[in-house]
Amino acid sequence: MSIGQRTRGLVFVCTLLASAATARGQPAGYVVVPASKLKENLFGSCFLSDKEGWVVGDLGRIFHTTDGGQTWEQEGAGTKRPFVALACLDRNHIWAAGQAGQIAFSRDAGRTWAMQKTGVERHLLNIAFANPQRGLAVGDYGTLLRTDDGGNTWTKVRLPDDTRLPEDVAEVVQPGDVLLYGISFADPEHVWVVGEFGVILASADGGVTFHAQNSPVETTLFGVDFKDPQNGWAVGLESVLLRTTDGGISWAKQDIEAPKGFFLSLYSVKVRGDYGWAVGNSGLMLKTTDGGNSWQLADVPVQMRSLWFRDISLLPGGHGFIVGSSGAVLAVAGEQFTPLKKRF
């Protein structure tokens, strides 16, 4: 059972990172693309306001908007390998992570990008920064990287020895080889990482060391979000949505509504104030209007139900953006969402 779940997780990674081989995008160079013409699968987003933000995806594409996603300026870091995650603290500090250990960094609002040396060739699946110096990147086969100088140097972090795997998995998978998918800083000292087999890792020293937390599931967790050191959520395979109110000492599954007859995945979750979203494949979108105490299934138009949604960038007050396949960008405001392109 659990090995099958690993296979499903690996299929997700392969889809995520191999899509560049078949994607067709805009030509290289300076290009301004209207939202209606975005075609690339989009995996990561980072917005500083309801007007300015960046998204990344297939073929090393990096797009920047200053008008709320109506038009996008195509940027590039000199690679055709896909980027799958973004971190931005302000418009002058932006990181993009992706295939084969690549991390690109911009210090000038995305006008120029330089590759940082990570020392690894494993695929990186997420990146997060607590401040301009301290960040983490995670990826396949236990890859966990840390920086305290803005990415000038990255060092590998050892996974904790108390990482527990299901009995039928422990015979064939080493704890240090689990795929890691999600990162969330609650503050510069408190950070969580989630991954395969329900693994949840927590750190109280800024990611120098981690310890395993008890998870109520053995299914892969793709996303995690903490709004403060006590309150957090994690999502994953089979529409799993977990919550903690005590910093991860205890986690519990939340009751959610999902399409009947389907075991869909949730890839990302974000809660800010009263509003929040959790998104996944086959058009699955959940929303909350009570700070994550309860979740409702969002009414997604038929033409969007074949899409997958990969990432959420949510601002205080409930404004933000959701990105996904086929150039999908949704602007969210409170419990409402608006697709910025009408045809998929």
Foldseek 3Di string as FASTA:
>chain_A
DQVVLVVVVVVVVCCQFVVLVPDDADDDDKDKAFLQRFFFFWAEKAAPDQAWIWIWGAQQWIWIGRGNRRMTITAGAPGGTGWHYKEDDDQQWIWTFFAQGWIWTGRHSRPYIYTADAPGGFTWAYKYAQDQFWIWIFFFQQFIWIGRHNRNYIDGAFADPQFDAPPVCVVPHPSNGWTWAEKEDQHQQWMWTFFAQGWIWIGRGRPNYIDTADGPGGRTWHYKYDPHQQWIWIWWWQGWIWIGRGNRNDIDTDDEDDPPPDRWGWHYKDFAAQWIWIFFAQGWIWIGRGRPPYIYTDDDDPQCRHWGWNYWHADHQGWTWIGGHRSWIWTTHGPDIDTSHDHD
